[in-house]
Amino acid sequence: MNAIEIAERAVLCALFRRYPDGLVWIGGSVLQLLYDSPRASYDLDLCPSGEMPPAEEVRAAVREALEQVNATSGSRLIVDEFAVQPGLVRLKVTEGGELRFMVDLTLVAGQIRDAAAVVVESVLGPQAVRVATDSRLLMLKLEALLFRRFLKPADVFDVWFLLSRGVRLKPNQRAWLSDQVRMREMERADVKARFAKLTPERFLADLKKRMAHEAFHRWNPAGAQQAIRAALNVVRKEIEWP
């Protein structure tokens, strides 16, 4: 476990210690820290279960966690700055002026009720945290692929990773995504065109920045194309298009 992962685990445990029923852990960091995805995630994404916690309280919890990490590891991590907007609290964790990871609390459409409790170990000790279910993580990643302005290779990889673990959408999740597609008047051709811009070379270039050399060495353009195709196929087949 590297220094960033140790710090992320400590921050995660500190926030759930302060808000045990107030947050749900989502995003790529779940796949890395909980499911051993080889792709590093530099965003610790959390969704409030109700109202957004006060930004200063969140910052204080993160700062206290980093102080304990620094004391045990000799690191010099700090909360460098934070942004507060309606539905968003974003903290930047740095060391020596270099970004190490982000902590994002973001309100999503509808509360994430399909979550399960897991115990996470950290330098603060074990802590129960609420994590979105596998199928909900897949739904959120597919939502990002469909509705973000730009297609991110990291989201494509995460969809492929979840599919490779046998994760599939639940009927209500397929229905929700289908409703969103119809409401936004999207068409299959639009999605196909977005995926066409993601070449295997671009996919691999992004993956190389986020993966250890030994793990990245197993990838090649053919494997990248297979991952891209898998993500596109699930979007095309799982959603009822207008």
Protein backbone atom coordinates (compact mmCIF):
# COMPACT_ATOMS: atom_id res chain seq x y z
CA MET A 1 0.00 0.00 0.00
CA ASN A 2 1.52 3.33 -1.04
CA ALA A 3 1.51 6.60 0.91
CA ILE A 4 -1.44 8.09 -0.95
CA GLU A 5 -3.59 5.01 -0.33
CA ILE A 6 -2.70 5.12 3.38
CA ALA A 7 -3.78 8.77 3.55
CA GLU A 8 -6.97 8.17 1.58
CA ARG A 9 -7.98 5.34 3.90
CA ALA A 10 -7.34 7.53 6.94
CA VAL A 11 -9.39 10.41 5.53
CA LEU A 12 -12.19 8.03 4.59
CA CYS A 13 -12.30 6.56 8.11
CA ALA A 14 -12.16 10.00 9.72
CA LEU A 15 -15.13 11.26 7.71
CA PHE A 16 -17.25 8.20 8.43
CA ARG A 17 -16.30 8.41 12.09
CA ARG A 18 -17.73 11.93 12.14
CA TYR A 19 -20.70 11.18 9.84
CA PRO A 20 -21.41 7.43 10.26
CA ASP A 21 -24.80 7.57 8.53
CA GLY A 22 -24.33 10.74 6.54
CA LEU A 23 -22.19 9.61 3.60
CA VAL A 24 -21.89 6.94 0.91
CA TRP A 25 -18.54 6.11 -0.68
CA ILE A 26 -18.64 6.02 -4.50
CA GLY A 27 -16.31 6.33 -7.48
CA GLY A 28 -13.05 4.87 -8.71
CA SER A 29 -11.41 4.94 -5.29
CA VAL A 30 -13.82 2.21 -4.17
CA LEU A 31 -12.57 0.00 -6.98
CA GLN A 32 -8.94 0.68 -6.12
CA LEU A 33 -8.99 0.61 -2.32
CA LEU A 34 -11.70 -2.00 -1.79
CA TYR A 35 -11.66 -4.21 -4.91
CA ASP A 36 -7.95 -3.98 -5.83
CA SER A 37 -8.43 -2.35 -9.21
CA PRO A 38 -4.97 -1.76 -10.74
CA ARG A 39 -6.00 1.75 -11.82
CA ALA A 40 -5.08 4.40 -9.26
CA SER A 41 -7.77 6.96 -8.42
CA TYR A 42 -6.80 10.37 -7.10
CA ASP A 43 -10.35 11.35 -6.12
CA LEU A 44 -12.02 10.23 -2.92
CA ASP A 45 -15.69 10.59 -3.91
CA LEU A 46 -18.43 10.68 -1.28
CA CYS A 47 -22.14 11.34 -1.58
CA PRO A 48 -24.03 12.88 1.36
CA SER A 49 -27.08 10.86 2.35
CA GLY A 50 -29.00 14.00 3.24
CA GLU A 51 -27.88 17.59 3.59
CA MET A 52 -24.31 18.54 2.78
CA PRO A 53 -22.15 18.59 5.93
CA PRO A 54 -20.64 21.99 6.82
CA ALA A 55 -17.51 22.57 4.78
CA GLU A 56 -15.40 23.64 7.76
CA GLU A 57 -16.34 20.48 9.67
CA VAL A 58 -15.33 18.35 6.71
CA ARG A 59 -12.06 20.21 6.39
CA ALA A 60 -11.34 19.81 10.10
CA ALA A 61 -11.93 16.04 9.95
CA VAL A 62 -9.62 15.69 6.95
CA ARG A 63 -6.95 17.86 8.58
CA GLU A 64 -7.00 15.79 11.78
CA ALA A 65 -6.70 12.56 9.80
CA LEU A 66 -3.73 13.91 7.83
CA GLU A 67 -2.02 14.99 11.03
CA GLN A 68 -2.16 11.41 12.28
CA VAL A 69 -0.89 10.09 8.95
CA ASN A 70 1.98 12.58 9.04
CA ALA A 71 2.86 11.61 12.61
CA THR A 72 3.09 7.90 11.75
CA SER A 73 4.66 8.07 8.28
CA GLY A 74 6.74 11.25 8.29
CA SER A 75 4.76 12.71 5.39
CA ARG A 76 3.76 16.40 5.22
CA LEU A 77 0.25 16.24 3.84
CA ILE A 78 -2.01 19.28 4.25
CA VAL A 79 -5.42 20.48 3.13
CA ASP A 80 -4.16 23.12 0.73
CA GLU A 81 -7.44 24.65 -0.40
CA PHE A 82 -11.10 23.87 -0.77
CA ALA A 83 -14.06 24.94 -2.88
CA VAL A 84 -17.65 25.19 -1.73
CA GLN A 85 -20.54 25.37 -4.20
CA PRO A 86 -24.19 24.34 -3.99
CA GLY A 87 -24.11 20.54 -3.73
CA LEU A 88 -20.31 20.35 -3.64
CA VAL A 89 -17.46 20.48 -1.13
CA ARG A 90 -14.05 19.86 -2.71
CA LEU A 91 -10.79 19.62 -0.80
CA LYS A 92 -7.28 19.47 -2.28
CA VAL A 93 -4.71 17.43 -0.35
CA THR A 94 -1.12 18.40 -1.18
CA GLU A 95 2.42 17.72 -0.05
CA GLY A 96 5.20 20.18 -0.73
CA GLY A 97 2.93 22.03 -3.14
CA GLU A 98 2.19 18.88 -5.18
CA LEU A 99 -1.35 17.53 -5.50
CA ARG A 100 -1.74 14.09 -3.91
CA PHE A 101 -5.51 13.55 -4.09
CA MET A 102 -8.90 15.27 -3.96
CA VAL A 103 -11.75 14.77 -1.52
CA ASP A 104 -15.12 15.47 -3.16
CA LEU A 105 -18.47 15.49 -1.41
CA THR A 106 -21.10 15.77 -4.12
CA LEU A 107 -24.87 15.56 -3.98
CA VAL A 108 -26.19 13.25 -6.72
CA ALA A 109 -29.68 12.98 -8.14
CA GLY A 110 -31.66 11.01 -5.57
CA GLN A 111 -30.19 9.49 -2.44
CA ILE A 112 -28.06 6.38 -2.83
CA ARG A 113 -30.03 3.89 -0.77
CA ASP A 114 -28.50 0.72 -2.22
CA ALA A 115 -25.37 0.75 -0.08
CA ALA A 116 -23.69 -1.77 2.18
CA ALA A 117 -21.47 -1.40 5.26
CA VAL A 118 -17.86 -2.58 5.07
CA VAL A 119 -14.97 -2.21 7.51
CA VAL A 120 -11.94 -0.25 6.28
CA GLU A 121 -8.59 -0.45 8.06
CA SER A 122 -6.43 2.65 8.45
CA VAL A 123 -3.84 4.24 10.75
CA LEU A 124 -6.84 5.59 12.68
CA GLY A 125 -8.04 2.03 13.31
CA PRO A 126 -10.91 0.09 11.71
CA GLN A 127 -14.03 1.98 10.71
CA ALA A 128 -17.36 0.93 9.21
CA VAL A 129 -18.11 2.85 6.01
CA ARG A 130 -21.14 2.80 3.73
CA VAL A 131 -20.31 1.86 0.15
CA ALA A 132 -22.54 1.90 -2.92
CA THR A 133 -23.36 -1.59 -4.14
CA ASP A 134 -21.50 -2.98 -7.16
CA SER A 135 -24.46 -2.47 -9.49
CA ARG A 136 -24.91 1.12 -8.29
CA LEU A 137 -21.22 1.81 -8.92
CA LEU A 138 -21.68 0.48 -12.45
CA MET A 139 -24.76 2.65 -12.95
CA LEU A 140 -22.90 5.76 -11.79
CA LYS A 141 -20.00 5.01 -14.12
CA LEU A 142 -22.35 4.48 -17.06
CA GLU A 143 -24.10 7.72 -16.17
CA ALA A 144 -20.72 9.47 -16.36
CA LEU A 145 -19.98 7.91 -19.75
CA LEU A 146 -23.32 9.03 -21.12
CA PHE A 147 -23.72 12.50 -19.71
CA ARG A 148 -20.31 13.98 -19.03
CA ARG A 149 -19.21 16.52 -21.59
CA PHE A 150 -16.09 14.52 -22.43
CA LEU A 151 -15.57 10.77 -22.42
CA LYS A 152 -12.93 9.89 -19.83
CA PRO A 153 -10.77 6.80 -20.43
CA ALA A 154 -10.76 6.22 -16.66
CA ASP A 155 -14.56 5.79 -16.66
CA VAL A 156 -14.34 3.33 -19.55
CA PHE A 157 -11.72 1.31 -17.70
CA ASP A 158 -13.83 1.27 -14.52
CA VAL A 159 -16.88 0.04 -16.44
CA TRP A 160 -14.76 -2.71 -18.00
CA PHE A 161 -13.34 -3.62 -14.58
CA LEU A 162 -16.81 -3.94 -13.03
CA LEU A 163 -18.08 -5.98 -15.97
CA SER A 164 -15.04 -8.28 -15.68
CA ARG A 165 -16.10 -8.95 -12.07
CA GLY A 166 -19.54 -10.07 -13.27
CA VAL A 167 -21.36 -6.90 -12.15
CA ARG A 168 -24.57 -6.10 -14.02
CA LEU A 169 -27.26 -3.45 -13.71
CA LYS A 170 -30.47 -4.08 -11.78
CA PRO A 171 -33.77 -3.59 -13.67
CA ASN A 172 -34.56 -0.34 -11.84
CA GLN A 173 -31.09 1.01 -12.67
CA ARG A 174 -31.54 0.19 -16.35
CA ALA A 175 -34.91 1.92 -16.25
CA TRP A 176 -33.47 5.04 -14.62
CA LEU A 177 -30.69 5.37 -17.20
CA SER A 178 -33.20 4.79 -20.01
CA ASP A 179 -35.44 7.54 -18.64
CA GLN A 180 -32.50 9.93 -18.47
CA VAL A 181 -31.56 9.16 -22.07
CA ARG A 182 -35.09 9.84 -23.27
CA MET A 183 -35.37 13.03 -21.23
CA ARG A 184 -32.11 14.35 -22.70
CA GLU A 185 -33.11 13.20 -26.19
CA MET A 186 -29.92 11.23 -26.71
CA GLU A 187 -29.53 8.71 -29.51
CA ARG A 188 -27.35 5.65 -29.94
CA ALA A 189 -25.50 7.37 -32.77
CA ASP A 190 -24.46 10.16 -30.38
CA VAL A 191 -22.88 7.69 -27.97
CA LYS A 192 -21.22 5.72 -30.75
CA ALA A 193 -19.66 8.94 -32.06
CA ARG A 194 -18.28 9.77 -28.60
CA PHE A 195 -16.73 6.33 -28.24
CA ALA A 196 -15.24 6.54 -31.74
CA LYS A 197 -13.03 9.39 -30.53
CA LEU A 198 -11.50 7.18 -27.82
CA THR A 199 -8.68 5.35 -29.59
CA PRO A 200 -6.77 2.47 -27.98
CA GLU A 201 -3.68 4.69 -27.99
CA ARG A 202 -5.43 7.42 -26.01
CA PHE A 203 -6.90 4.84 -23.63
CA LEU A 204 -3.46 3.34 -22.98
CA ALA A 205 -1.80 6.73 -22.55
CA ASP A 206 -4.26 7.60 -19.79
CA LEU A 207 -3.96 4.16 -18.21
CA LYS A 208 -0.17 4.39 -18.11
CA LYS A 209 -0.37 7.47 -15.87
CA ARG A 210 -2.60 5.66 -13.37
CA MET A 211 -1.21 2.16 -13.23
CA ALA A 212 1.94 0.51 -11.90
CA HIS A 213 4.38 -0.58 -14.60
CA GLU A 214 3.94 -4.30 -13.91
CA ALA A 215 0.16 -4.09 -14.30
CA PHE A 216 0.30 -1.78 -17.32
CA HIS A 217 2.75 -4.10 -19.05
CA ARG A 218 -0.10 -6.63 -19.49
CA TRP A 219 -2.10 -4.19 -21.66
CA ASN A 220 -1.83 -3.71 -25.42
CA PRO A 221 -3.93 -1.99 -28.13
CA ALA A 222 -6.04 -5.11 -28.69
CA GLY A 223 -6.91 -5.34 -24.99
CA ALA A 224 -7.66 -1.62 -24.89
CA GLN A 225 -10.01 -1.96 -27.86
CA GLN A 226 -11.75 -4.88 -26.16
CA ALA A 227 -12.31 -2.79 -23.00
CA ILE A 228 -13.68 0.13 -25.01
CA ARG A 229 -15.98 -2.17 -26.96
CA ALA A 230 -17.26 -3.81 -23.75
CA ALA A 231 -18.21 -0.42 -22.29
CA LEU A 232 -19.91 0.65 -25.52
CA ASN A 233 -21.84 -2.62 -25.80
CA VAL A 234 -23.26 -2.42 -22.29
CA VAL A 235 -24.41 1.15 -22.96
CA ARG A 236 -26.05 0.15 -26.22
CA LYS A 237 -27.66 -3.07 -25.01
CA GLU A 238 -28.66 -2.31 -21.40
CA ILE A 239 -30.45 0.96 -22.16
CA GLU A 240 -33.79 1.32 -23.95
CA TRP A 241 -33.05 3.90 -26.60
CA PRO A 242 -35.74 6.13 -28.14
